[in-house]
Amino acid sequence: MQIQITATPDASLIAAATRHGMRRPVLLARLSGWALLLVTVLSMAVTGELDPALLAGGAVLAVVVPTVLLNHTARGLRAGRPTTYEISEGGIASSDAEARHAYTWRAFRSVEELSGQLLFRQGGARLLPVPTAGLSPDQIEQVLGTASARGLLVRRR
């Protein structure tokens, strides 16, 4: 199998991939922030004094950290230059005018089929969204089948 796609990054697809891929870290930050805000309210009810450090910490965790996580990740994925993706039996490579990155299938943990793209997950919060606009349904299925055969967890729509 040798599939090659050339595409210019689509801001809406990148935003969707970022929101989808960062669900857990964002939810964890928001829940931690809300828990800290709850501790602030309970502390204020018991002592009668507002602790500005707890209030600020809760607000930062609930609002600022998720925003920074999403914006930083999206900005890293949105280079704006046409990118060529090569999918083969050996793995996936992406290249643009400035750089080339190649990954073996072992570098990925899972792949998810999203609307208009395949989202390859690496360790942590590292993502590689690959647009599928230039692929036929058979080619998409071939990529997902190869990923599954290589041991990746595959989530289809």
Protein backbone atom coordinates (compact mmCIF):
# COMPACT_ATOMS: atom_id res chain seq x y z
CA MET A 1 0.00 0.00 0.00
CA GLN A 2 1.32 3.43 -0.95
CA ILE A 3 -1.07 6.38 -0.59
CA GLN A 4 -0.05 9.99 -1.03
CA ILE A 5 -2.19 13.03 -0.18
CA THR A 6 -1.28 16.70 -0.57
CA ALA A 7 -3.46 19.17 1.32
CA THR A 8 -3.40 22.67 2.77
CA PRO A 9 -4.32 22.64 6.47
CA ASP A 10 -8.01 23.40 7.04
CA ALA A 11 -8.54 25.50 10.17
CA SER A 12 -11.92 23.97 10.97
CA LEU A 13 -10.60 20.40 10.67
CA ILE A 14 -7.60 21.25 12.83
CA ALA A 15 -9.85 22.85 15.45
CA ALA A 16 -12.08 19.76 15.47
CA ALA A 17 -9.08 17.43 15.76
CA THR A 18 -7.64 19.52 18.59
CA ARG A 19 -10.89 19.61 20.55
CA HIS A 20 -11.36 15.88 20.05
CA GLY A 21 -7.78 14.94 20.81
CA MET A 22 -7.45 17.14 23.89
CA ARG A 23 -10.76 16.15 25.52
CA ARG A 24 -9.23 14.37 28.52
CA PRO A 25 -6.55 16.91 29.51
CA VAL A 26 -9.01 19.79 29.10
CA LEU A 27 -11.68 18.00 31.13
CA LEU A 28 -9.14 17.19 33.86
CA ALA A 29 -8.04 20.85 34.07
CA ARG A 30 -11.64 22.10 34.15
CA LEU A 31 -12.70 19.61 36.83
CA SER A 32 -9.66 20.46 38.93
CA GLY A 33 -10.41 24.16 38.60
CA TRP A 34 -14.06 23.71 39.56
CA ALA A 35 -13.02 21.56 42.54
CA LEU A 36 -10.64 24.30 43.68
CA LEU A 37 -13.39 26.90 43.28
CA LEU A 38 -15.68 24.70 45.38
CA VAL A 39 -12.99 24.48 48.08
CA THR A 40 -12.76 28.29 47.93
CA VAL A 41 -16.51 28.68 48.49
CA LEU A 42 -16.52 26.13 51.34
CA SER A 43 -13.52 27.83 52.93
CA MET A 44 -15.25 31.18 52.69
CA ALA A 45 -18.42 29.74 54.27
CA VAL A 46 -16.44 28.31 57.20
CA THR A 47 -13.95 31.13 57.82
CA GLY A 48 -15.89 34.08 56.44
CA GLU A 49 -12.84 35.18 54.47
CA LEU A 50 -12.18 34.87 50.75
CA ASP A 51 -8.81 33.35 49.89
CA PRO A 52 -7.69 35.12 46.70
CA ALA A 53 -5.02 32.48 45.97
CA LEU A 54 -7.59 29.66 45.91
CA LEU A 55 -9.98 31.77 43.82
CA ALA A 56 -7.27 32.67 41.29
CA GLY A 57 -5.97 29.08 41.16
CA GLY A 58 -9.44 27.70 40.50
CA ALA A 59 -10.13 30.27 37.80
CA VAL A 60 -6.79 29.59 36.12
CA LEU A 61 -7.35 25.82 36.11
CA ALA A 62 -10.98 26.05 35.00
CA VAL A 63 -10.56 28.65 32.24
CA VAL A 64 -7.00 29.62 31.37
CA VAL A 65 -5.31 26.19 31.26
CA PRO A 66 -7.91 24.62 28.90
CA THR A 67 -7.75 27.64 26.61
CA VAL A 68 -3.96 27.56 26.50
CA LEU A 69 -3.90 23.78 25.91
CA LEU A 70 -6.31 24.01 22.98
CA ASN A 71 -4.75 27.10 21.41
CA HIS A 72 -1.17 25.84 21.77
CA THR A 73 -2.00 22.45 20.25
CA ALA A 74 -4.04 23.95 17.40
CA ARG A 75 -1.32 26.49 16.63
CA GLY A 76 1.26 23.71 16.45
CA LEU A 77 -0.85 21.77 13.97
CA ARG A 78 -1.84 24.76 11.83
CA ALA A 79 1.29 25.56 9.87
CA GLY A 80 -0.66 26.86 6.87
CA ARG A 81 1.67 25.32 4.29
CA PRO A 82 0.64 22.60 1.87
CA THR A 83 1.61 19.27 3.39
CA THR A 84 2.15 15.93 1.70
CA TYR A 85 1.21 12.81 3.64
CA GLU A 86 2.57 9.43 2.58
CA ILE A 87 0.96 6.35 4.08
CA SER A 88 2.69 3.04 3.48
CA GLU A 89 3.24 -0.38 5.03
CA GLY A 90 6.15 1.13 6.97
CA GLY A 91 4.22 4.03 8.53
CA ILE A 92 3.27 7.62 7.87
CA ALA A 93 5.37 10.54 6.69
CA SER A 94 4.40 14.18 6.45
CA SER A 95 6.42 16.82 4.68
CA ASP A 96 6.09 20.45 3.74
CA ALA A 97 8.49 23.04 2.32
CA GLU A 98 10.43 23.24 5.60
CA ALA A 99 10.47 19.78 7.16
CA ARG A 100 9.80 16.09 6.79
CA HIS A 101 8.65 13.83 9.62
CA ALA A 102 8.37 10.07 9.31
CA TYR A 103 6.76 7.75 11.84
CA THR A 104 6.61 3.99 11.96
CA TRP A 105 3.29 2.41 12.90
CA ARG A 106 4.74 1.68 16.36
CA ALA A 107 4.95 5.44 17.02
CA PHE A 108 1.16 5.62 17.17
CA ARG A 109 -1.19 4.29 19.84
CA SER A 110 -4.47 4.66 17.96
CA VAL A 111 -6.25 6.16 14.98
CA GLU A 112 -9.72 7.65 14.92
CA GLU A 113 -11.83 8.32 11.89
CA LEU A 114 -13.31 11.81 12.19
CA SER A 115 -15.27 13.77 9.65
CA GLY A 116 -12.82 14.66 6.89
CA GLN A 117 -9.70 13.31 8.60
CA LEU A 118 -7.95 10.49 10.35
CA LEU A 119 -6.54 11.42 13.75
CA PHE A 120 -3.41 9.45 14.63
CA ARG A 121 -2.53 9.62 18.34
CA GLN A 122 0.98 9.32 19.65
CA GLY A 123 2.02 9.35 23.31
CA GLY A 124 0.66 12.08 25.54
CA ALA A 125 -1.20 14.81 23.70
CA ARG A 126 0.69 14.45 20.40
CA LEU A 127 -1.61 14.20 17.39
CA LEU A 128 -1.19 13.80 13.65
CA PRO A 129 -4.36 14.70 11.76
CA VAL A 130 -4.36 13.43 8.17
CA PRO A 131 -7.03 14.90 5.86
CA THR A 132 -9.05 12.38 3.87
CA ALA A 133 -10.54 14.69 1.23
CA GLY A 134 -8.39 13.13 -1.51
CA LEU A 135 -9.08 9.53 -0.49
CA SER A 136 -11.79 7.14 -1.57
CA PRO A 137 -13.74 5.19 1.08
CA ASP A 138 -11.81 2.07 0.02
CA GLN A 139 -8.48 3.83 0.58
CA ILE A 140 -9.59 5.05 4.02
CA GLU A 141 -10.61 1.51 4.91
CA GLN A 142 -7.25 0.25 3.61
CA VAL A 143 -5.39 2.70 5.89
CA LEU A 144 -7.53 1.74 8.90
CA GLY A 145 -7.07 -1.95 8.13
CA THR A 146 -3.29 -1.54 7.92
CA ALA A 147 -3.28 0.40 11.21
CA SER A 148 -5.31 -2.34 12.87
CA ALA A 149 -3.01 -5.05 11.49
CA ARG A 150 -0.05 -3.14 12.94
CA GLY A 151 -1.60 -3.21 16.44
CA LEU A 152 -3.19 0.24 16.63
CA LEU A 153 -6.56 0.72 18.26
CA VAL A 154 -8.88 1.81 15.44
CA ARG A 155 -12.03 3.83 16.11
CA ARG A 156 -14.33 4.17 13.15
CA ARG A 157 -17.20 6.64 12.77
